[in-house]
Amino acid sequence: MRVLRLAIHGLGVAAALFVGCSRSSEPAAKTPESVVVESESPTAEAPGPTVLAAVRVDQRSTFITLDGSPAFGEQAWDMAYPFSSGVAMVIANAGELRKDDGRDFAVGGLYRLIDAEGKEVSDRDYPSIVHAREGVVSVRGMMGQHLERLDGTQVGKDFEEVGNVREGRVVAVGMADGEPSLGWLDTSTGKWVVSWPRGEFKQLCRFFDGLACAQNAEGQCGWYTPDGTVAIPVRYDACGNFHDGVAWAGLPGAHVGVIEKTGRFVVEQKYDEITDASEERMFVKVGERWGLLDTTGRVILEPQFFAVRSFSEGWASVLREGGGGTTYIDREGAVVLELEFRALDFHFDRAIYFDNDTDKAGFIDRTGAPVIPATFDTVHNFGDVAVDNPPAPLDWTR
């Protein structure tokens, strides 16, 4: 059984139900090739996006702009997370700060939401916020979890667990028709779209590209639509998330290939692993090396890389075996930049990099030059505050 094999390390049973069903990170939202920080054009133009990054240094977290300036003056919190749909979660008066998988998280404290000007969205201190996406806040309290709108109105009832919101749907564990169930909720109403008795499905995934993968008790996978109907029957032994109209999948006893939304294979099942598509490109693994395809199956690069990351703004960072630095390739596989240090994906022409001596993080531009010095203990990608900006994974797919 190949599906989800990396998903459940260190997680409880309930937590394992909400993993994204993919070995790779969520592909980045498409952004402009170049973002101008300031414009002196005399012509009236629509304002550009507000682009900020959450950073942490010396036990305090805040937000910075593309030139590294503080976004909200001297405002800082014990913890700050990336903006999503116009709001960001911050934590004050945390009882304890810990690290998990390279990321900081807080134990206790006062959970709040701020807007793009750094102002609190409401006067309320939440007991614990699991996430805030698409205008919906998942709140954990003494009786479990529930969904709220930004004005504090509760959506639906309390549930045992609620996952991450995507495309108006969220995975939940709770009571349906008088028995413990697992299913998807409509985030606008808090009501079940579809649910099954606990034990019938091992795992449900988030929606991507209008479909979500589900794994039944026997370990077989299929995909569902947002109204809960079957889009692709449950018969696969491995499954990924749909992006750019395709997903990786494998039938029992086979390797993995790529399917379209009818379930038809457009890339034959001959690879050991495949990443989710990003910018119409997919990395494929044969043995211990990764190569590159487009979503039609055209081979762009034969397997040769030790580790890879998803494409973002036209480039992907890859690692070669034995090298301590980072190589960037474009969508046709050409090398466009080589660095002697670790660096991640580009977002608004900025990429996180790590100083070889201190392991502190900063940001480089497209030439590889550090434009924001590596002085931070923790950083998140730059993102448009109005859209969803998931935390960046800190490692490559190996």
Protein backbone atom coordinates (compact mmCIF):
# COMPACT_ATOMS: atom_id res chain seq x y z
CA MET A 1 0.00 0.00 0.00
CA ARG A 2 1.69 3.17 -1.17
CA VAL A 3 -0.94 5.80 -0.53
CA LEU A 4 -0.43 8.14 2.43
CA ARG A 5 2.56 6.27 3.73
CA LEU A 6 4.29 9.45 4.91
CA ALA A 7 1.16 10.93 6.38
CA ILE A 8 0.72 9.40 9.79
CA HIS A 9 4.14 9.62 11.47
CA GLY A 10 3.69 11.00 14.96
CA LEU A 11 -0.04 11.70 14.59
CA GLY A 12 -2.99 10.32 16.50
CA VAL A 13 -5.81 8.48 14.74
CA ALA A 14 -8.03 11.53 14.45
CA ALA A 15 -5.22 13.74 13.17
CA ALA A 16 -4.34 11.17 10.52
CA LEU A 17 -7.77 11.59 8.95
CA PHE A 18 -7.01 15.10 7.76
CA VAL A 19 -3.65 14.81 6.00
CA GLY A 20 -3.63 16.22 2.46
CA CYS A 21 -3.35 12.79 0.76
CA SER A 22 -0.19 13.75 -1.08
CA ARG A 23 3.53 13.31 -0.80
CA SER A 24 4.19 16.77 -2.07
CA SER A 25 3.28 20.22 -0.82
CA GLU A 26 0.40 22.25 -2.15
CA PRO A 27 1.44 23.94 -5.37
CA ALA A 28 1.86 27.65 -4.95
CA ALA A 29 -0.80 30.04 -6.14
CA LYS A 30 0.14 31.57 -9.47
CA THR A 31 1.62 35.01 -9.04
CA PRO A 32 2.92 37.67 -11.40
CA GLU A 33 6.36 37.17 -12.93
CA SER A 34 7.50 40.42 -11.34
CA VAL A 35 6.03 42.43 -8.51
CA VAL A 36 6.86 46.11 -8.20
CA VAL A 37 7.13 47.14 -4.57
CA GLU A 38 6.62 50.84 -5.25
CA SER A 39 5.38 52.60 -8.34
CA GLU A 40 5.90 56.24 -9.22
CA SER A 41 3.80 56.08 -12.37
CA PRO A 42 1.61 59.17 -12.68
CA THR A 43 -1.21 57.17 -14.24
CA ALA A 44 -3.93 55.88 -11.96
CA GLU A 45 -3.74 52.11 -11.67
CA ALA A 46 -5.56 49.56 -9.57
CA PRO A 47 -3.63 48.96 -6.35
CA GLY A 48 -1.49 45.84 -6.33
CA PRO A 49 -1.76 43.09 -3.76
CA THR A 50 -0.57 43.59 -0.21
CA VAL A 51 2.33 41.15 0.08
CA LEU A 52 3.63 40.16 3.52
CA ALA A 53 5.63 37.37 5.16
CA ALA A 54 5.41 36.12 8.74
CA VAL A 55 8.84 35.95 10.43
CA ARG A 56 10.16 35.15 13.90
CA VAL A 57 13.31 36.27 15.71
CA ASP A 58 14.31 36.35 19.37
CA GLN A 59 11.08 34.70 20.54
CA ARG A 60 8.88 37.31 18.83
CA SER A 61 6.89 37.06 15.58
CA THR A 62 5.78 39.78 13.19
CA PHE A 63 5.23 40.51 9.49
CA ILE A 64 7.56 42.14 6.95
CA THR A 65 7.13 43.67 3.49
CA LEU A 66 9.01 42.75 0.32
CA ASP A 67 11.87 45.10 1.21
CA GLY A 68 12.20 43.65 4.71
CA SER A 69 10.54 46.55 6.54
CA PRO A 70 8.17 45.85 9.46
CA ALA A 71 4.60 45.83 8.16
CA PHE A 72 2.99 46.93 11.42
CA GLY A 73 5.60 49.05 13.14
CA GLU A 74 6.68 47.59 16.47
CA GLN A 75 3.73 45.22 16.77
CA ALA A 76 4.83 41.65 17.56
CA TRP A 77 3.36 38.47 19.01
CA ASP A 78 4.57 35.21 20.49
CA MET A 79 3.55 33.51 17.25
CA ALA A 80 2.25 34.64 13.86
CA TYR A 81 1.04 32.61 10.92
CA PRO A 82 0.62 33.44 7.19
CA PHE A 83 -2.38 35.42 6.01
CA SER A 84 -5.31 33.62 4.43
CA SER A 85 -8.35 35.28 2.89
CA GLY A 86 -7.47 38.62 4.49
CA VAL A 87 -6.78 37.48 8.06
CA ALA A 88 -3.83 36.00 9.96
CA MET A 89 -3.76 34.08 13.23
CA VAL A 90 -1.50 35.45 15.97
CA ILE A 91 -0.91 34.22 19.52
CA ALA A 92 -0.13 36.36 22.57
CA ASN A 93 0.79 35.34 26.11
CA ALA A 94 1.74 31.81 25.06
CA GLY A 95 2.46 29.47 27.93
CA GLU A 96 5.13 27.51 26.07
CA LEU A 97 6.76 27.54 22.64
CA ARG A 98 7.86 24.29 20.99
CA LYS A 99 9.17 23.04 17.66
CA ASP A 100 7.57 20.37 15.50
CA ASP A 101 8.91 19.36 12.08
CA GLY A 102 11.05 22.49 12.00
CA ARG A 103 8.14 24.81 12.79
CA ASP A 104 7.39 26.69 15.99
CA PHE A 105 4.05 26.27 17.71
CA ALA A 106 2.55 27.57 20.93
CA VAL A 107 0.99 25.80 23.89
CA GLY A 108 -1.72 27.93 25.47
CA GLY A 109 -2.00 31.66 24.99
CA LEU A 110 -4.56 34.02 23.52
CA TYR A 111 -5.49 33.31 19.91
CA ARG A 112 -6.50 36.31 17.81
CA LEU A 113 -7.12 37.25 14.19
CA ILE A 114 -5.68 40.38 12.57
CA ASP A 115 -6.42 42.04 9.24
CA ALA A 116 -4.04 43.34 6.56
CA GLU A 117 -3.46 46.53 8.58
CA GLY A 118 -2.46 44.65 11.71
CA LYS A 119 -5.74 45.42 13.48
CA GLU A 120 -7.63 42.79 15.43
CA VAL A 121 -10.67 41.55 13.55
CA SER A 122 -12.71 41.37 16.77
CA ASP A 123 -12.24 41.91 20.49
CA ARG A 124 -12.52 38.20 21.08
CA ASP A 125 -9.73 35.93 22.37
CA TYR A 126 -10.27 32.45 20.96
CA PRO A 127 -9.52 29.39 23.15
CA SER A 128 -7.60 27.85 20.25
CA ILE A 129 -7.74 28.39 16.50
CA VAL A 130 -6.93 25.39 14.32
CA HIS A 131 -7.00 27.42 11.11
CA ALA A 132 -8.74 30.34 9.42
CA ARG A 133 -9.43 29.98 5.70
CA GLU A 134 -11.99 31.21 3.20
CA GLY A 135 -13.64 33.42 5.82
CA VAL A 136 -14.23 30.48 8.17
CA VAL A 137 -12.46 29.91 11.50
CA SER A 138 -12.05 26.42 12.96
CA VAL A 139 -12.13 26.85 16.74
CA ARG A 140 -11.15 24.20 19.27
CA GLY A 141 -12.87 24.39 22.65
CA MET A 142 -13.68 22.20 25.65
CA MET A 143 -16.40 20.31 23.74
CA GLY A 144 -14.44 19.71 20.52
CA GLN A 145 -14.21 21.85 17.40
CA HIS A 146 -16.67 24.05 15.56
CA LEU A 147 -16.70 26.49 12.65
CA GLU A 148 -17.30 30.23 12.98
CA ARG A 149 -17.59 33.12 10.60
CA LEU A 150 -15.31 36.09 11.17
CA ASP A 151 -18.12 37.94 12.95
CA GLY A 152 -18.22 35.18 15.59
CA THR A 153 -21.37 33.47 14.34
CA GLN A 154 -21.09 29.72 14.87
CA VAL A 155 -21.65 27.61 11.75
CA GLY A 156 -23.20 24.24 12.56
CA LYS A 157 -22.64 22.27 15.75
CA ASP A 158 -19.64 20.96 17.66
CA PHE A 159 -17.60 18.15 16.12
CA GLU A 160 -14.92 15.84 17.47
CA GLU A 161 -12.42 17.01 14.87
CA VAL A 162 -12.49 19.42 11.93
CA GLY A 163 -9.79 19.54 9.24
CA ASN A 164 -8.56 22.30 6.93
CA VAL A 165 -11.05 24.21 4.78
CA ARG A 166 -10.62 24.09 1.02
CA GLU A 167 -13.06 24.97 -1.75
CA GLY A 168 -15.98 25.38 0.65
CA ARG A 169 -15.64 21.92 2.16
CA VAL A 170 -13.93 20.52 5.25
CA VAL A 171 -13.38 17.00 6.58
CA ALA A 172 -15.00 16.39 9.97
CA VAL A 173 -15.46 13.67 12.57
CA GLY A 174 -18.69 13.85 14.55
CA MET A 175 -22.22 12.52 15.03
CA ALA A 176 -24.45 12.05 11.97
CA ASP A 177 -27.81 10.32 12.19
CA GLY A 178 -27.02 9.28 15.74
CA GLU A 179 -23.71 7.51 15.10
CA PRO A 180 -20.02 8.49 14.96
CA SER A 181 -19.24 9.47 11.39
CA LEU A 182 -16.59 10.79 9.04
CA GLY A 183 -17.48 13.04 6.14
CA TRP A 184 -17.33 16.46 4.49
CA LEU A 185 -19.11 19.56 5.78
CA ASP A 186 -20.39 22.51 3.77
CA THR A 187 -18.54 25.41 5.41
CA SER A 188 -21.33 27.87 4.59
CA THR A 189 -23.89 25.94 6.65
CA GLY A 190 -21.87 23.60 8.88
CA LYS A 191 -24.06 20.71 7.69
CA TRP A 192 -22.95 17.36 6.35
CA VAL A 193 -22.65 17.12 2.57
CA VAL A 194 -22.02 13.39 2.86
CA SER A 195 -20.94 11.18 5.74
CA TRP A 196 -20.17 7.55 6.47
CA PRO A 197 -20.08 5.54 9.71
CA ARG A 198 -16.63 5.62 11.31
CA GLY A 199 -14.61 2.67 10.04
CA GLU A 200 -16.06 2.64 6.53
CA PHE A 201 -13.36 5.06 5.34
CA LYS A 202 -9.83 5.37 6.71
CA GLN A 203 -9.25 8.84 5.38
CA LEU A 204 -10.85 11.70 3.49
CA CYS A 205 -8.78 14.40 1.84
CA ARG A 206 -9.19 18.08 1.10
CA PHE A 207 -10.66 19.25 -2.19
CA PHE A 208 -8.26 20.28 -4.93
CA ASP A 209 -9.34 21.21 -8.43
CA GLY A 210 -12.94 20.30 -7.56
CA LEU A 211 -12.26 16.72 -6.43
CA ALA A 212 -11.18 15.04 -3.18
CA CYS A 213 -9.62 11.62 -2.70
CA ALA A 214 -11.03 9.12 -0.21
CA GLN A 215 -9.48 5.88 1.09
CA ASN A 216 -11.83 3.13 2.26
CA ALA A 217 -11.29 0.59 5.02
CA GLU A 218 -9.65 -1.84 2.57
CA GLY A 219 -7.13 0.81 1.50
CA GLN A 220 -8.65 1.47 -1.92
CA CYS A 221 -8.98 5.05 -3.20
CA GLY A 222 -11.36 7.07 -5.33
CA TRP A 223 -12.41 10.70 -5.80
CA TYR A 224 -15.60 12.57 -4.89
CA THR A 225 -17.21 15.82 -6.03
CA PRO A 226 -18.13 18.66 -3.63
CA ASP A 227 -21.75 17.40 -3.48
CA GLY A 228 -20.56 13.99 -2.27
CA THR A 229 -21.11 11.98 -5.46
CA VAL A 230 -18.53 9.59 -6.84
CA ALA A 231 -16.45 11.14 -9.63
CA ILE A 232 -13.87 8.37 -10.03
CA PRO A 233 -14.73 4.97 -8.50
CA VAL A 234 -12.88 3.61 -5.49
CA ARG A 235 -10.50 1.10 -7.07
CA TYR A 236 -7.00 2.59 -6.91
CA ASP A 237 -4.20 1.48 -4.63
CA ALA A 238 -2.54 4.90 -4.54
CA CYS A 239 -3.86 8.41 -5.11
CA GLY A 240 -2.82 12.05 -5.11
CA ASN A 241 -4.52 15.43 -5.32
CA PHE A 242 -5.80 16.87 -8.59
CA HIS A 243 -3.97 19.94 -9.91
CA ASP A 244 -3.96 21.21 -13.49
CA GLY A 245 -6.61 18.59 -14.30
CA VAL A 246 -4.51 15.53 -13.38
CA ALA A 247 -3.51 13.44 -10.36
CA TRP A 248 -1.11 10.59 -9.76
CA ALA A 249 -2.66 7.18 -9.11
CA GLY A 250 -1.94 3.47 -9.22
CA LEU A 251 -4.08 0.36 -9.59
CA PRO A 252 -3.44 -2.66 -7.31
CA GLY A 253 -0.20 -4.45 -8.13
CA ALA A 254 1.12 -1.66 -10.34
CA HIS A 255 3.43 1.31 -10.10
CA VAL A 256 1.93 4.81 -10.29
CA GLY A 257 0.95 6.85 -13.30
CA VAL A 258 -1.16 9.93 -14.01
CA ILE A 259 -4.92 10.07 -14.55
CA GLU A 260 -7.29 12.74 -15.82
CA LYS A 261 -10.67 13.46 -14.21
CA THR A 262 -12.40 10.60 -16.04
CA GLY A 263 -10.01 8.13 -14.38
CA ARG A 264 -8.25 7.42 -17.67
CA PHE A 265 -4.48 7.08 -17.43
CA VAL A 266 -2.66 9.70 -19.51
CA VAL A 267 0.75 8.59 -18.20
CA GLU A 268 1.29 4.87 -17.83
CA GLN A 269 1.93 3.24 -14.46
CA LYS A 270 5.70 2.84 -14.52
CA TYR A 271 7.01 5.19 -11.83
CA ASP A 272 7.82 4.54 -8.18
CA GLU A 273 6.52 7.94 -7.06
CA ILE A 274 5.04 11.05 -8.64
CA THR A 275 4.51 14.48 -7.09
CA ASP A 276 1.30 16.49 -7.40
CA ALA A 277 1.27 18.68 -10.51
CA SER A 278 2.45 22.28 -10.22
CA GLU A 279 2.44 24.67 -13.16
CA GLU A 280 1.68 21.70 -15.46
CA ARG A 281 4.80 19.84 -14.35
CA MET A 282 5.26 16.65 -12.28
CA PHE A 283 8.42 15.13 -10.86
CA VAL A 284 8.64 11.35 -11.23
CA LYS A 285 10.84 8.95 -9.28
CA VAL A 286 12.59 5.87 -10.61
CA GLY A 287 14.71 4.12 -8.02
CA GLU A 288 16.43 6.87 -6.03
CA ARG A 289 16.32 9.64 -8.64
CA TRP A 290 13.72 12.19 -9.77
CA GLY A 291 13.00 13.26 -13.33
CA LEU A 292 10.51 15.72 -14.84
CA LEU A 293 7.36 15.31 -16.99
CA ASP A 294 4.68 17.66 -18.19
CA THR A 295 1.07 16.73 -17.45
CA THR A 296 0.67 15.05 -20.86
CA GLY A 297 3.50 12.63 -20.04
CA ARG A 298 6.19 14.30 -22.16
CA VAL A 299 9.57 13.54 -20.63
CA ILE A 300 11.46 16.78 -19.99
CA LEU A 301 14.30 15.41 -17.85
CA GLU A 302 15.31 11.82 -17.19
CA PRO A 303 15.62 10.88 -13.47
CA GLN A 304 18.73 12.54 -12.06
CA PHE A 305 17.91 14.61 -8.95
CA PHE A 306 18.35 13.57 -5.34
CA ALA A 307 15.46 15.75 -4.09
CA VAL A 308 12.92 18.17 -5.60
CA ARG A 309 10.32 20.82 -4.77
CA SER A 310 7.19 21.97 -6.60
CA PHE A 311 7.29 24.65 -9.30
CA SER A 312 6.49 28.20 -8.27
CA GLU A 313 6.65 31.27 -10.51
CA GLY A 314 8.24 29.23 -13.30
CA TRP A 315 11.13 27.71 -11.31
CA ALA A 316 11.66 24.65 -9.12
CA SER A 317 14.53 24.05 -6.70
CA VAL A 318 16.28 20.69 -6.89
CA LEU A 319 19.17 19.04 -5.09
CA ARG A 320 21.92 17.00 -6.63
CA GLU A 321 23.48 14.19 -4.62
CA GLY A 322 26.56 15.33 -2.73
CA GLY A 323 25.87 19.01 -3.30
CA GLY A 324 25.33 21.33 -0.38
CA GLY A 325 23.65 24.03 -2.43
CA THR A 326 20.52 24.51 -4.49
CA THR A 327 19.88 24.39 -8.23
CA TYR A 328 16.86 26.06 -9.87
CA ILE A 329 15.44 24.76 -13.13
CA ASP A 330 12.75 26.24 -15.37
CA ARG A 331 9.72 24.42 -16.75
CA GLU A 332 11.75 23.03 -19.66
CA GLY A 333 14.43 21.68 -17.32
CA ALA A 334 17.10 24.27 -18.07
CA VAL A 335 19.32 25.34 -15.16
CA VAL A 336 18.61 29.01 -14.43
CA LEU A 337 20.40 29.55 -11.10
CA GLU A 338 22.91 27.67 -8.94
CA LEU A 339 23.60 28.56 -5.31
CA GLU A 340 26.02 27.35 -2.66
CA PHE A 341 23.37 27.41 0.07
CA ARG A 342 19.90 26.00 0.64
CA ALA A 343 16.99 27.99 -0.78
CA LEU A 344 13.30 27.26 -1.31
CA ASP A 345 10.56 28.38 -3.71
CA PHE A 346 10.07 31.83 -5.21
CA HIS A 347 6.98 33.79 -4.22
CA PHE A 348 6.67 37.36 -5.48
CA ASP A 349 10.30 37.15 -6.64
CA ARG A 350 11.55 36.31 -3.14
CA ALA A 351 12.75 32.91 -1.93
CA ILE A 352 13.65 31.80 1.59
CA TYR A 353 17.32 30.93 2.01
CA PHE A 354 19.38 29.58 4.91
CA ASP A 355 22.82 30.83 5.94
CA ASN A 356 25.34 27.98 5.87
CA ASP A 357 27.03 29.09 9.09
CA THR A 358 24.15 30.19 11.31
CA ASP A 359 21.21 28.34 9.71
CA LYS A 360 19.23 31.57 10.10
CA ALA A 361 16.78 32.38 7.31
CA GLY A 362 16.36 35.37 5.01
CA PHE A 363 15.23 36.05 1.42
CA ILE A 364 17.01 36.16 -1.94
CA ASP A 365 15.91 37.66 -5.25
CA ARG A 366 15.98 36.04 -8.70
CA THR A 367 19.70 36.63 -9.08
CA GLY A 368 20.41 34.70 -5.87
CA ALA A 369 21.47 37.85 -4.02
CA PRO A 370 20.30 38.17 -0.40
CA VAL A 371 17.88 41.11 -0.34
CA ILE A 372 16.67 40.50 3.22
CA PRO A 373 19.55 39.25 5.43
CA ALA A 374 19.37 35.86 7.13
CA THR A 375 18.55 37.02 10.66
CA PHE A 376 15.29 35.14 11.29
CA ASP A 377 14.75 31.97 13.30
CA THR A 378 11.56 31.06 11.41
CA VAL A 379 10.11 32.45 8.19
CA HIS A 380 7.12 31.86 5.93
CA ASN A 381 6.80 32.63 2.23
CA PHE A 382 5.67 36.01 1.02
CA GLY A 383 2.04 35.96 0.00
CA ASP A 384 -0.89 38.12 -1.04
CA VAL A 385 -2.81 38.64 2.20
CA ALA A 386 -6.13 38.26 0.34
CA VAL A 387 -5.55 34.65 -0.75
CA ASP A 388 -4.64 31.39 0.95
CA ASN A 389 -0.96 31.07 1.86
CA PRO A 390 -0.20 27.64 3.36
CA PRO A 391 3.00 27.33 5.43
CA ALA A 392 5.96 26.33 3.29
CA PRO A 393 7.41 22.86 3.87
CA LEU A 394 11.02 23.18 4.93
CA ASP A 395 12.34 20.10 3.15
CA TRP A 396 12.47 18.70 -0.34
CA THR A 397 10.62 15.63 -1.64
CA ARG A 398 13.26 12.92 -1.56
